[in-house]
C-alpha cells in the first residue's frame, strides 16, 4: 500500500477515524483495522473526565477560546491527548502512568497516532 493513502478514506485496510483519534463509532463491528502505534510522541489518556460542568474552555496558542463542538468533531469526549517533543519522554510518561489512579479511576494510557490538533 502506498504510504500516501495510509489512514485516509482511500485506505481500505486501516480505519481513518481510528487512525486520527483512536476512536471509531463502529468499535468492534468496523470492517477496517484498528492498529495502535507501538511508539508515538502523543499519549491518549482515555476517559479522564465525565462531568461537562467541570470542563474548562480550550484555548489555542493565541489564547482564543476554541468551540467545544469543533474539538468534539475530531476527538472522543472524555479523552485527553498529551503531545511530547520527544518519543523518549512520551515512553517514560506512559511507563510512569501505568497502574496510576486519577480521582479514584485507573488511568488508561496508550500511544496515539494523533499529531495534528487543529
PDB file of N, CA and C in Angstrom:
ATOM      1  N   UNK A   1       0.837  -1.170   0.000  1.00  0.00           N
ATOM      2  CA  UNK A   1       0.000   0.000   0.000  1.00  0.00           C
ATOM      3  C   UNK A   1       0.886   1.238   0.000  1.00  0.00           C
ATOM      4  N   UNK A   2       0.496   2.233  -0.767  1.00  0.00           N
ATOM      5  CA  UNK A   2       1.258   3.472  -0.814  1.00  0.00           C
ATOM      6  C   UNK A   2       1.128   4.214   0.507  1.00  0.00           C
ATOM      7  N   UNK A   3       2.241   4.743   0.970  1.00  0.00           N
ATOM      8  CA  UNK A   3       2.250   5.467   2.247  1.00  0.00           C
ATOM      9  C   UNK A   3       1.365   6.703   2.201  1.00  0.00           C
ATOM     10  N   UNK A   4       1.135   7.249   1.006  1.00  0.00           N
ATOM     11  CA  UNK A   4       0.351   8.477   0.885  1.00  0.00           C
ATOM     12  C   UNK A   4      -1.130   8.282   1.208  1.00  0.00           C
ATOM     13  N   UNK A   5      -1.643   7.060   1.139  1.00  0.00           N
ATOM     14  CA  UNK A   5      -3.062   6.850   1.447  1.00  0.00           C
ATOM     15  C   UNK A   5      -3.280   6.183   2.802  1.00  0.00           C
ATOM     16  N   UNK A   6      -2.210   5.841   3.514  1.00  0.00           N
ATOM     17  CA  UNK A   6      -2.334   5.169   4.806  1.00  0.00           C
ATOM     18  C   UNK A   6      -3.137   6.034   5.774  1.00  0.00           C
ATOM     19  N   UNK A   7      -4.198   5.465   6.340  1.00  0.00           N
ATOM     20  CA  UNK A   7      -5.017   6.169   7.322  1.00  0.00           C
ATOM     21  C   UNK A   7      -5.952   7.210   6.743  1.00  0.00           C
ATOM     22  N   UNK A   8      -6.134   7.200   5.416  1.00  0.00           N
ATOM     23  CA  UNK A   8      -7.068   8.132   4.782  1.00  0.00           C
ATOM     24  C   UNK A   8      -8.315   7.374   4.356  1.00  0.00           C
ATOM     25  N   UNK A   9      -9.300   8.096   3.843  1.00  0.00           N
ATOM     26  CA  UNK A   9     -10.534   7.464   3.362  1.00  0.00           C
ATOM     27  C   UNK A   9     -10.254   6.470   2.233  1.00  0.00           C
ATOM     28  N   UNK A  10      -9.200   6.703   1.454  1.00  0.00           N
ATOM     29  CA  UNK A  10      -8.862   5.809   0.345  1.00  0.00           C
ATOM     30  C   UNK A  10      -8.248   4.499   0.820  1.00  0.00           C
ATOM     31  N   UNK A  11      -7.750   4.479   2.046  1.00  0.00           N
ATOM     32  CA  UNK A  11      -7.155   3.273   2.632  1.00  0.00           C
ATOM     33  C   UNK A  11      -8.287   2.321   3.002  1.00  0.00           C
ATOM     34  N   UNK A  12      -8.410   1.214   2.294  1.00  0.00           N
ATOM     35  CA  UNK A  12      -9.499   0.257   2.531  1.00  0.00           C
ATOM     36  C   UNK A  12      -9.141  -0.778   3.591  1.00  0.00           C
ATOM     37  N   UNK A  13      -7.935  -0.715   4.132  1.00  0.00           N
ATOM     38  CA  UNK A  13      -7.496  -1.681   5.141  1.00  0.00           C
ATOM     39  C   UNK A  13      -7.569  -1.085   6.547  1.00  0.00           C
ATOM     40  N   UNK A  14      -7.041   0.125   6.713  1.00  0.00           N
ATOM     41  CA  UNK A  14      -6.964   0.765   8.028  1.00  0.00           C
ATOM     42  C   UNK A  14      -8.072   1.800   8.200  1.00  0.00           C
ATOM     43  N   UNK A  15      -8.654   1.850   9.381  1.00  0.00           N
ATOM     44  CA  UNK A  15      -9.753   2.766   9.681  1.00  0.00           C
ATOM     45  C   UNK A  15      -9.226   4.198   9.834  1.00  0.00           C
ATOM     46  N   UNK A  16      -9.691   5.132   8.986  1.00  0.00           N
ATOM     47  CA  UNK A  16      -9.192   6.502   9.074  1.00  0.00           C
ATOM     48  C   UNK A  16      -9.627   7.214  10.356  1.00  0.00           C
ATOM     49  N   UNK A  17     -10.793   6.882  10.877  1.00  0.00           N
ATOM     50  CA  UNK A  17     -11.274   7.517  12.109  1.00  0.00           C
ATOM     51  C   UNK A  17     -10.435   7.067  13.298  1.00  0.00           C
ATOM     52  N   UNK A  18     -10.152   5.785  13.356  1.00  0.00           N
ATOM     53  CA  UNK A  18      -9.337   5.255  14.442  1.00  0.00           C
ATOM     54  C   UNK A  18      -7.917   5.796  14.337  1.00  0.00           C
ATOM     55  N   UNK A  19      -7.417   5.920  13.117  1.00  0.00           N
ATOM     56  CA  UNK A  19      -6.065   6.429  12.902  1.00  0.00           C
ATOM     57  C   UNK A  19      -5.936   7.872  13.385  1.00  0.00           C
ATOM     58  N   UNK A  20      -6.992   8.679  13.204  1.00  0.00           N
ATOM     59  CA  UNK A  20      -6.948  10.091  13.589  1.00  0.00           C
ATOM     60  C   UNK A  20      -7.141  10.312  15.078  1.00  0.00           C
ATOM     61  N   UNK A  21      -7.929   9.459  15.744  1.00  0.00           N
ATOM     62  CA  UNK A  21      -8.282   9.758  17.135  1.00  0.00           C
ATOM     63  C   UNK A  21      -8.283   8.562  18.077  1.00  0.00           C
ATOM     64  N   UNK A  22      -7.972   7.384  17.599  1.00  0.00           N
ATOM     65  CA  UNK A  22      -8.063   6.143  18.382  1.00  0.00           C
ATOM     66  C   UNK A  22      -9.486   5.893  18.854  1.00  0.00           C
ATOM     67  N   UNK A  23     -10.446   6.370  18.079  1.00  0.00           N
ATOM     68  CA  UNK A  23     -11.856   6.144  18.384  1.00  0.00           C
ATOM     69  C   UNK A  23     -12.592   5.894  17.073  1.00  0.00           C
ATOM     70  N   UNK A  24     -13.493   4.939  17.090  1.00  0.00           N
ATOM     71  CA  UNK A  24     -14.295   4.627  15.913  1.00  0.00           C
ATOM     72  C   UNK A  24     -15.706   4.308  16.383  1.00  0.00           C
ATOM     73  N   UNK A  25     -16.688   4.928  15.771  1.00  0.00           N
ATOM     74  CA  UNK A  25     -18.071   4.711  16.206  1.00  0.00           C
ATOM     75  C   UNK A  25     -18.543   3.285  15.963  1.00  0.00           C
ATOM     76  N   UNK A  26     -17.876   2.551  15.093  1.00  0.00           N
ATOM     77  CA  UNK A  26     -18.272   1.172  14.798  1.00  0.00           C
ATOM     78  C   UNK A  26     -17.651   0.162  15.761  1.00  0.00           C
ATOM     79  N   UNK A  27     -16.673   0.598  16.537  1.00  0.00           N
ATOM     80  CA  UNK A  27     -15.967  -0.213  17.534  1.00  0.00           C
ATOM     81  C   UNK A  27     -15.543  -1.554  16.923  1.00  0.00           C
ATOM     82  N   UNK A  28     -16.002  -2.667  17.474  1.00  0.00           N
ATOM     83  CA  UNK A  28     -15.589  -3.994  17.001  1.00  0.00           C
ATOM     84  C   UNK A  28     -16.255  -4.405  15.690  1.00  0.00           C
ATOM     85  N   UNK A  29     -17.295  -3.699  15.276  1.00  0.00           N
ATOM     86  CA  UNK A  29     -18.000  -4.046  14.037  1.00  0.00           C
ATOM     87  C   UNK A  29     -17.395  -3.367  12.809  1.00  0.00           C
ATOM     88  N   UNK A  30     -16.359  -2.578  13.014  1.00  0.00           N
ATOM     89  CA  UNK A  30     -15.726  -1.869  11.905  1.00  0.00           C
ATOM     90  C   UNK A  30     -15.076  -2.873  10.958  1.00  0.00           C
ATOM     91  N   UNK A  31     -15.213  -2.633   9.667  1.00  0.00           N
ATOM     92  CA  UNK A  31     -14.648  -3.546   8.666  1.00  0.00           C
ATOM     93  C   UNK A  31     -13.162  -3.287   8.410  1.00  0.00           C
ATOM     94  N   UNK A  32     -12.626  -2.243   9.001  1.00  0.00           N
ATOM     95  CA  UNK A  32     -11.218  -1.904   8.801  1.00  0.00           C
ATOM     96  C   UNK A  32     -10.420  -2.146  10.080  1.00  0.00           C
ATOM     97  N   UNK A  33      -9.103  -2.220   9.931  1.00  0.00           N
ATOM     98  CA  UNK A  33      -8.220  -2.496  11.067  1.00  0.00           C
ATOM     99  C   UNK A  33      -8.061  -1.285  11.983  1.00  0.00           C
ATOM    100  N   UNK A  34      -7.994  -1.557  13.272  1.00  0.00           N
ATOM    101  CA  UNK A  34      -7.711  -0.538  14.288  1.00  0.00           C
ATOM    102  C   UNK A  34      -6.329  -0.839  14.858  1.00  0.00           C
ATOM    103  N   UNK A  35      -5.309  -0.288  14.239  1.00  0.00           N
ATOM    104  CA  UNK A  35      -3.929  -0.556  14.611  1.00  0.00           C
ATOM    105  C   UNK A  35      -3.425   0.521  15.561  1.00  0.00           C
ATOM    106  N   UNK A  36      -2.982   0.091  16.756  1.00  0.00           N
ATOM    107  CA  UNK A  36      -2.416   1.030  17.723  1.00  0.00           C
ATOM    108  C   UNK A  36      -0.923   1.171  17.451  1.00  0.00           C
ATOM    109  N   UNK A  37      -0.403   2.404  17.538  1.00  0.00           N
ATOM    110  CA  UNK A  37       1.032   2.594  17.299  1.00  0.00           C
ATOM    111  C   UNK A  37       1.870   2.005  18.426  1.00  0.00           C
ATOM    112  N   UNK A  38       3.054   1.528  18.094  1.00  0.00           N
ATOM    113  CA  UNK A  38       3.954   0.974  19.110  1.00  0.00           C
ATOM    114  C   UNK A  38       4.785   2.069  19.775  1.00  0.00           C
ATOM    115  N   UNK A  39       4.876   3.234  19.148  1.00  0.00           N
ATOM    116  CA  UNK A  39       5.580   4.388  19.715  1.00  0.00           C
ATOM    117  C   UNK A  39       4.961   5.638  19.101  1.00  0.00           C
ATOM    118  N   UNK A  40       4.911   6.694  19.877  1.00  0.00           N
ATOM    119  CA  UNK A  40       4.368   7.957  19.398  1.00  0.00           C
ATOM    120  C   UNK A  40       4.784   9.058  20.357  1.00  0.00           C
ATOM    121  N   UNK A  41       4.782  10.290  19.867  1.00  0.00           N
ATOM    122  CA  UNK A  41       5.040  11.422  20.754  1.00  0.00           C
ATOM    123  C   UNK A  41       3.758  11.859  21.460  1.00  0.00           C
ATOM    124  N   UNK A  42       2.625  11.284  21.079  1.00  0.00           N
ATOM    125  CA  UNK A  42       1.338  11.649  21.666  1.00  0.00           C
ATOM    126  C   UNK A  42       0.787  10.501  22.489  1.00  0.00           C
ATOM    127  N   UNK A  43       0.359  10.809  23.715  1.00  0.00           N
ATOM    128  CA  UNK A  43      -0.308   9.827  24.569  1.00  0.00           C
ATOM    129  C   UNK A  43      -1.796  10.126  24.600  1.00  0.00           C
ATOM    130  N   UNK A  44      -2.584   9.074  24.654  1.00  0.00           N
ATOM    131  CA  UNK A  44      -4.029   9.187  24.845  1.00  0.00           C
ATOM    132  C   UNK A  44      -4.341   8.703  26.251  1.00  0.00           C
ATOM    133  N   UNK A  45      -4.980   9.550  27.040  1.00  0.00           N
ATOM    134  CA  UNK A  45      -5.457   9.177  28.366  1.00  0.00           C
ATOM    135  C   UNK A  45      -6.968   9.056  28.241  1.00  0.00           C
ATOM    136  N   UNK A  46      -7.463   7.826  28.228  1.00  0.00           N
ATOM    137  CA  UNK A  46      -8.878   7.563  27.959  1.00  0.00           C
ATOM    138  C   UNK A  46      -9.763   7.838  29.159  1.00  0.00           C
ATOM    139  N   UNK A  47     -10.932   8.393  28.870  1.00  0.00           N
ATOM    140  CA  UNK A  47     -11.999   8.561  29.850  1.00  0.00           C
ATOM    141  C   UNK A  47     -11.533   9.292  31.110  1.00  0.00           C
ATOM    142  N   UNK A  48     -10.806  10.378  30.932  1.00  0.00           N
ATOM    143  CA  UNK A  48     -10.254  11.108  32.074  1.00  0.00           C
ATOM    144  C   UNK A  48     -11.267  11.991  32.785  1.00  0.00           C
ATOM    145  N   UNK A  49     -12.283  12.444  32.094  1.00  0.00           N
ATOM    146  CA  UNK A  49     -13.289  13.266  32.763  1.00  0.00           C
ATOM    147  C   UNK A  49     -14.672  12.892  32.263  1.00  0.00           C
ATOM    148  N   UNK A  50     -15.670  13.217  33.054  1.00  0.00           N
ATOM    149  CA  UNK A  50     -17.039  12.839  32.714  1.00  0.00           C
ATOM    150  C   UNK A  50     -18.027  13.993  32.805  1.00  0.00           C
ATOM    151  N   UNK A  51     -17.835  14.888  33.764  1.00  0.00           N
ATOM    152  CA  UNK A  51     -18.834  15.925  34.002  1.00  0.00           C
ATOM    153  C   UNK A  51     -18.595  17.134  33.116  1.00  0.00           C
ATOM    154  N   UNK A  52     -19.607  17.496  32.329  1.00  0.00           N
ATOM    155  CA  UNK A  52     -19.490  18.638  31.432  1.00  0.00           C
ATOM    156  C   UNK A  52     -19.313  19.954  32.190  1.00  0.00           C
ATOM    157  N   UNK A  53     -19.906  20.069  33.374  1.00  0.00           N
ATOM    158  CA  UNK A  53     -19.825  21.328  34.112  1.00  0.00           C
ATOM    159  C   UNK A  53     -18.430  21.582  34.680  1.00  0.00           C
ATOM    160  N   UNK A  54     -17.555  20.594  34.608  1.00  0.00           N
ATOM    161  CA  UNK A  54     -16.193  20.773  35.112  1.00  0.00           C
ATOM    162  C   UNK A  54     -15.188  21.014  33.986  1.00  0.00           C
ATOM    163  N   UNK A  55     -15.657  21.003  32.751  1.00  0.00           N
ATOM    164  CA  UNK A  55     -14.762  21.196  31.614  1.00  0.00           C
ATOM    165  C   UNK A  55     -14.464  22.685  31.458  1.00  0.00           C
ATOM    166  N   UNK A  56     -13.191  23.040  31.434  1.00  0.00           N
ATOM    167  CA  UNK A  56     -12.803  24.424  31.189  1.00  0.00           C
ATOM    168  C   UNK A  56     -12.640  24.616  29.692  1.00  0.00           C
ATOM    169  N   UNK A  57     -12.950  25.802  29.202  1.00  0.00           N
ATOM    170  CA  UNK A  57     -12.847  26.030  27.758  1.00  0.00           C
ATOM    171  C   UNK A  57     -11.416  25.828  27.266  1.00  0.00           C
ATOM    172  N   UNK A  58     -11.279  25.219  26.109  1.00  0.00           N
ATOM    173  CA  UNK A  58      -9.962  25.035  25.492  1.00  0.00           C
ATOM    174  C   UNK A  58      -9.547  26.350  24.843  1.00  0.00           C
ATOM    175  N   UNK A  59      -8.253  26.595  24.812  1.00  0.00           N
ATOM    176  CA  UNK A  59      -7.741  27.805  24.175  1.00  0.00           C
ATOM    177  C   UNK A  59      -6.629  27.428  23.204  1.00  0.00           C
ATOM    178  N   UNK A  60      -6.504  28.229  22.150  1.00  0.00           N
ATOM    179  CA  UNK A  60      -5.432  27.984  21.191  1.00  0.00           C
ATOM    180  C   UNK A  60      -4.161  28.702  21.650  1.00  0.00           C
ATOM    181  N   UNK A  61      -3.129  28.665  20.837  1.00  0.00           N
ATOM    182  CA  UNK A  61      -1.833  29.244  21.207  1.00  0.00           C
ATOM    183  C   UNK A  61      -1.904  30.756  21.428  1.00  0.00           C
ATOM    184  N   UNK A  62      -2.901  31.411  20.837  1.00  0.00           N
ATOM    185  CA  UNK A  62      -3.053  32.859  20.989  1.00  0.00           C
ATOM    186  C   UNK A  62      -3.974  33.232  22.146  1.00  0.00           C
ATOM    187  N   UNK A  63      -4.507  32.229  22.843  1.00  0.00           N
ATOM    188  CA  UNK A  63      -5.393  32.489  23.970  1.00  0.00           C
ATOM    189  C   UNK A  63      -6.854  32.617  23.598  1.00  0.00           C
ATOM    190  N   UNK A  64      -7.201  32.366  22.340  1.00  0.00           N
ATOM    191  CA  UNK A  64      -8.596  32.427  21.900  1.00  0.00           C
ATOM    192  C   UNK A  64      -9.323  31.151  22.291  1.00  0.00           C
ATOM    193  N   UNK A  65     -10.564  31.291  22.752  1.00  0.00           N
ATOM    194  CA  UNK A  65     -11.358  30.132  23.141  1.00  0.00           C
ATOM    195  C   UNK A  65     -11.710  29.302  21.912  1.00  0.00           C
ATOM    196  N   UNK A  66     -11.598  27.973  22.043  1.00  0.00           N
ATOM    197  CA  UNK A  66     -11.944  27.052  20.960  1.00  0.00           C
ATOM    198  C   UNK A  66     -13.317  26.477  21.257  1.00  0.00           C
ATOM    199  N   UNK A  67     -14.195  26.506  20.277  1.00  0.00           N
ATOM    200  CA  UNK A  67     -15.547  25.967  20.426  1.00  0.00           C
ATOM    201  C   UNK A  67     -15.468  24.472  20.731  1.00  0.00           C
ATOM    202  N   UNK A  68     -16.068  24.010  21.853  1.00  0.00           N
ATOM    203  CA  UNK A  68     -16.015  22.581  22.215  1.00  0.00           C
ATOM    204  C   UNK A  68     -16.560  21.665  21.122  1.00  0.00           C
ATOM    205  N   UNK A  69     -17.531  22.157  20.342  1.00  0.00           N
ATOM    206  CA  UNK A  69     -18.083  21.326  19.258  1.00  0.00           C
ATOM    207  C   UNK A  69     -17.028  21.055  18.191  1.00  0.00           C
ATOM    208  N   UNK A  70     -16.135  22.018  17.963  1.00  0.00           N
ATOM    209  CA  UNK A  70     -15.067  21.823  16.981  1.00  0.00           C
ATOM    210  C   UNK A  70     -14.099  20.742  17.460  1.00  0.00           C
ATOM    211  N   UNK A  71     -13.779  20.760  18.745  1.00  0.00           N
ATOM    212  CA  UNK A  71     -12.884  19.750  19.309  1.00  0.00           C
ATOM    213  C   UNK A  71     -13.533  18.375  19.235  1.00  0.00           C
ATOM    214  N   UNK A  72     -14.813  18.286  19.608  1.00  0.00           N
ATOM    215  CA  UNK A  72     -15.515  17.004  19.627  1.00  0.00           C
ATOM    216  C   UNK A  72     -15.691  16.430  18.232  1.00  0.00           C
ATOM    217  N   UNK A  73     -15.595  17.279  17.213  1.00  0.00           N
ATOM    218  CA  UNK A  73     -15.700  16.805  15.836  1.00  0.00           C
ATOM    219  C   UNK A  73     -14.573  15.827  15.518  1.00  0.00           C
ATOM    220  N   UNK A  74     -13.423  16.005  16.164  1.00  0.00           N
ATOM    221  CA  UNK A  74     -12.260  15.182  15.868  1.00  0.00           C
ATOM    222  C   UNK A  74     -11.882  14.200  16.963  1.00  0.00           C
ATOM    223  N   UNK A  75     -12.272  14.477  18.191  1.00  0.00           N
ATOM    224  CA  UNK A  75     -11.814  13.661  19.307  1.00  0.00           C
ATOM    225  C   UNK A  75     -12.976  13.200  20.169  1.00  0.00           C
ATOM    226  N   UNK A  76     -12.856  12.028  20.746  1.00  0.00           N
ATOM    227  CA  UNK A  76     -13.892  11.462  21.587  1.00  0.00           C
ATOM    228  C   UNK A  76     -13.950  12.199  22.927  1.00  0.00           C
ATOM    229  N   UNK A  77     -15.158  12.518  23.368  1.00  0.00           N
ATOM    230  CA  UNK A  77     -15.355  13.237  24.624  1.00  0.00           C
ATOM    231  C   UNK A  77     -14.807  12.413  25.784  1.00  0.00           C
ATOM    232  N   UNK A  78     -14.080  13.062  26.680  1.00  0.00           N
ATOM    233  CA  UNK A  78     -13.528  12.386  27.847  1.00  0.00           C
ATOM    234  C   UNK A  78     -12.082  11.993  27.695  1.00  0.00           C
ATOM    235  N   UNK A  79     -11.580  12.012  26.488  1.00  0.00           N
ATOM    236  CA  UNK A  79     -10.184  11.647  26.263  1.00  0.00           C
ATOM    237  C   UNK A  79      -9.289  12.875  26.355  1.00  0.00           C
ATOM    238  N   UNK A  80      -8.092  12.665  26.870  1.00  0.00           N
ATOM    239  CA  UNK A  80      -7.096  13.727  26.957  1.00  0.00           C
ATOM    240  C   UNK A  80      -5.899  13.291  26.118  1.00  0.00           C
ATOM    241  N   UNK A  81      -5.447  14.176  25.249  1.00  0.00           N
ATOM    242  CA  UNK A  81      -4.285  13.902  24.412  1.00  0.00           C
ATOM    243  C   UNK A  81      -3.125  14.754  24.908  1.00  0.00           C
ATOM    244  N   UNK A  82      -1.967  14.138  25.099  1.00  0.00           N
ATOM    245  CA  UNK A  82      -0.779  14.846  25.575  1.00  0.00           C
ATOM    246  C   UNK A  82       0.332  14.626  24.552  1.00  0.00           C
ATOM    247  N   UNK A  83       0.817  15.723  23.983  1.00  0.00           N
ATOM    248  CA  UNK A  83       1.868  15.617  22.973  1.00  0.00           C
ATOM    249  C   UNK A  83       3.206  16.021  23.587  1.00  0.00           C
ATOM    250  N   UNK A  84       4.224  15.211  23.340  1.00  0.00           N
ATOM    251  CA  UNK A  84       5.572  15.452  23.843  1.00  0.00           C
ATOM    252  C   UNK A  84       6.486  15.835  22.687  1.00  0.00           C
ATOM    253  N   UNK A  85       7.574  16.488  22.998  1.00  0.00           N
ATOM    254  CA  UNK A  85       8.543  16.846  21.957  1.00  0.00           C
ATOM    255  C   UNK A  85       9.373  15.652  21.523  1.00  0.00           C
ATOM    256  N   UNK A  86       9.575  14.703  22.439  1.00  0.00           N
ATOM    257  CA  UNK A  86      10.451  13.568  22.142  1.00  0.00           C
ATOM    258  C   UNK A  86       9.763  12.250  22.484  1.00  0.00           C
ATOM    259  N   UNK A  87      10.049  11.224  21.689  1.00  0.00           N
ATOM    260  CA  UNK A  87       9.499   9.889  21.937  1.00  0.00           C
ATOM    261  C   UNK A  87       9.915   9.351  23.304  1.00  0.00           C
ATOM    262  N   UNK A  88      11.128   9.655  23.700  1.00  0.00           N
ATOM    263  CA  UNK A  88      11.634   9.146  24.979  1.00  0.00           C
ATOM    264  C   UNK A  88      10.788   9.635  26.148  1.00  0.00           C
ATOM    265  N   UNK A  89      10.353  10.880  26.078  1.00  0.00           N
ATOM    266  CA  UNK A  89       9.544  11.448  27.168  1.00  0.00           C
ATOM    267  C   UNK A  89       8.136  10.870  27.184  1.00  0.00           C
ATOM    268  N   UNK A  90       7.577  10.623  26.008  1.00  0.00           N
ATOM    269  CA  UNK A  90       6.242  10.014  25.981  1.00  0.00           C
ATOM    270  C   UNK A  90       6.315   8.573  26.485  1.00  0.00           C
ATOM    271  N   UNK A  91       7.387   7.875  26.160  1.00  0.00           N
ATOM    272  CA  UNK A  91       7.567   6.498  26.647  1.00  0.00           C
ATOM    273  C   UNK A  91       7.706   6.468  28.161  1.00  0.00           C
ATOM    274  N   UNK A  92       8.469   7.416  28.713  1.00  0.00           N
ATOM    275  CA  UNK A  92       8.633   7.484  30.166  1.00  0.00           C
ATOM    276  C   UNK A  92       7.304   7.824  30.839  1.00  0.00           C
ATOM    277  N   UNK A  93       6.562   8.766  30.265  1.00  0.00           N
ATOM    278  CA  UNK A  93       5.261   9.138  30.835  1.00  0.00           C
ATOM    279  C   UNK A  93       4.304   7.951  30.816  1.00  0.00           C
ATOM    280  N   UNK A  94       4.299   7.193  29.719  1.00  0.00           N
ATOM    281  CA  UNK A  94       3.435   6.017  29.637  1.00  0.00           C
ATOM    282  C   UNK A  94       3.798   5.016  30.727  1.00  0.00           C
ATOM    283  N   UNK A  95       5.079   4.788  30.902  1.00  0.00           N
ATOM    284  CA  UNK A  95       5.539   3.859  31.942  1.00  0.00           C
ATOM    285  C   UNK A  95       5.141   4.363  33.333  1.00  0.00           C
ATOM    286  N   UNK A  96       5.323   5.658  33.584  1.00  0.00           N
ATOM    287  CA  UNK A  96       5.013   6.238  34.890  1.00  0.00           C
ATOM    288  C   UNK A  96       3.512   6.267  35.187  1.00  0.00           C
ATOM    289  N   UNK A  97       2.682   6.312  34.154  1.00  0.00           N
ATOM    290  CA  UNK A  97       1.228   6.356  34.356  1.00  0.00           C
ATOM    291  C   UNK A  97       0.600   4.976  34.526  1.00  0.00           C
ATOM    292  N   UNK A  98       1.363   3.933  34.254  1.00  0.00           N
ATOM    293  CA  UNK A  98       0.840   2.573  34.382  1.00  0.00           C
ATOM    294  C   UNK A  98       0.483   2.293  35.836  1.00  0.00           C
ATOM    295  N   UNK A  99      -0.718   1.787  36.050  1.00  0.00           N
ATOM    296  CA  UNK A  99      -1.264   1.447  37.368  1.00  0.00           C
ATOM    297  C   UNK A  99      -1.314   2.681  38.283  1.00  0.00           C
ATOM    298  N   UNK A 100      -1.655   3.830  37.716  1.00  0.00           N
ATOM    299  CA  UNK A 100      -1.871   5.051  38.498  1.00  0.00           C
ATOM    300  C   UNK A 100      -3.356   5.391  38.441  1.00  0.00           C
ATOM    301  N   UNK A 101      -3.816   6.121  39.430  1.00  0.00           N
ATOM    302  CA  UNK A 101      -5.221   6.491  39.517  1.00  0.00           C
ATOM    303  C   UNK A 101      -5.371   8.005  39.520  1.00  0.00           C
ATOM    304  N   UNK A 102      -6.492   8.459  38.994  1.00  0.00           N
ATOM    305  CA  UNK A 102      -6.850   9.870  38.991  1.00  0.00           C
ATOM    306  C   UNK A 102      -8.303   9.951  39.415  1.00  0.00           C
ATOM    307  N   UNK A 103      -8.619  10.741  40.452  1.00  0.00           N
ATOM    308  CA  UNK A 103      -9.878  10.724  41.191  1.00  0.00           C
ATOM    309  C   UNK A 103     -10.541   9.356  41.283  1.00  0.00           C
ATOM    310  N   UNK A 104      -9.778   8.375  41.762  1.00  0.00           N
ATOM    311  CA  UNK A 104     -10.347   7.055  42.010  1.00  0.00           C
ATOM    312  C   UNK A 104     -10.494   6.163  40.797  1.00  0.00           C
ATOM    313  N   UNK A 105     -10.183   6.676  39.612  1.00  0.00           N
ATOM    314  CA  UNK A 105     -10.294   5.871  38.385  1.00  0.00           C
ATOM    315  C   UNK A 105      -8.905   5.538  37.860  1.00  0.00           C
ATOM    316  N   UNK A 106      -8.757   4.312  37.381  1.00  0.00           N
ATOM    317  CA  UNK A 106      -7.497   3.882  36.786  1.00  0.00           C
ATOM    318  C   UNK A 106      -7.220   4.703  35.531  1.00  0.00           C
ATOM    319  N   UNK A 107      -5.999   5.204  35.409  1.00  0.00           N
ATOM    320  CA  UNK A 107      -5.606   5.931  34.202  1.00  0.00           C
ATOM    321  C   UNK A 107      -5.294   4.911  33.116  1.00  0.00           C
ATOM    322  N   UNK A 108      -5.987   5.018  32.003  1.00  0.00           N
ATOM    323  CA  UNK A 108      -5.761   4.129  30.864  1.00  0.00           C
ATOM    324  C   UNK A 108      -5.012   4.944  29.817  1.00  0.00           C
ATOM    325  N   UNK A 109      -3.722   4.679  29.688  1.00  0.00           N
ATOM    326  CA  UNK A 109      -2.871   5.453  28.787  1.00  0.00           C
ATOM    327  C   UNK A 109      -2.321   4.569  27.681  1.00  0.00           C
ATOM    328  N   UNK A 110      -2.113   5.163  26.531  1.00  0.00           N
ATOM    329  CA  UNK A 110      -1.525   4.449  25.404  1.00  0.00           C
ATOM    330  C   UNK A 110      -1.031   5.435  24.368  1.00  0.00           C
ATOM    331  N   UNK A 111      -0.192   4.967  23.473  1.00  0.00           N
ATOM    332  CA  UNK A 111       0.301   5.816  22.398  1.00  0.00           C
ATOM    333  C   UNK A 111      -0.827   6.105  21.417  1.00  0.00           C
ATOM    334  N   UNK A 112      -0.795   7.287  20.835  1.00  0.00           N
ATOM    335  CA  UNK A 112      -1.813   7.710  19.879  1.00  0.00           C
ATOM    336  C   UNK A 112      -1.156   8.164  18.584  1.00  0.00           C
ATOM    337  N   UNK A 113      -1.790   7.897  17.438  1.00  0.00           N
ATOM    338  CA  UNK A 113      -1.247   8.378  16.173  1.00  0.00           C
ATOM    339  C   UNK A 113      -1.560   9.856  15.929  1.00  0.00           C
ATOM    340  N   UNK A 114      -2.381  10.472  16.768  1.00  0.00           N
ATOM    341  CA  UNK A 114      -2.787  11.861  16.574  1.00  0.00           C
ATOM    342  C   UNK A 114      -1.572  12.776  16.701  1.00  0.00           C
ATOM    343  N   UNK A 115      -1.356  13.608  15.690  1.00  0.00           N
ATOM    344  CA  UNK A 115      -0.256  14.568  15.724  1.00  0.00           C
ATOM    345  C   UNK A 115      -0.748  15.979  15.435  1.00  0.00           C
ATOM    346  N   UNK A 116      -1.889  16.102  14.788  1.00  0.00           N
ATOM    347  CA  UNK A 116      -2.426  17.406  14.407  1.00  0.00           C
ATOM    348  C   UNK A 116      -3.628  17.722  15.282  1.00  0.00           C
ATOM    349  N   UNK A 117      -3.548  18.790  16.059  1.00  0.00           N
ATOM    350  CA  UNK A 117      -4.616  19.152  16.972  1.00  0.00           C
ATOM    351  C   UNK A 117      -5.401  20.364  16.496  1.00  0.00           C
ATOM    352  N   UNK A 118      -5.286  20.717  15.232  1.00  0.00           N
ATOM    353  CA  UNK A 118      -6.011  21.880  14.702  1.00  0.00           C
ATOM    354  C   UNK A 118      -7.150  21.447  13.831  1.00  0.00           C
TER     355      UNK A 118
END
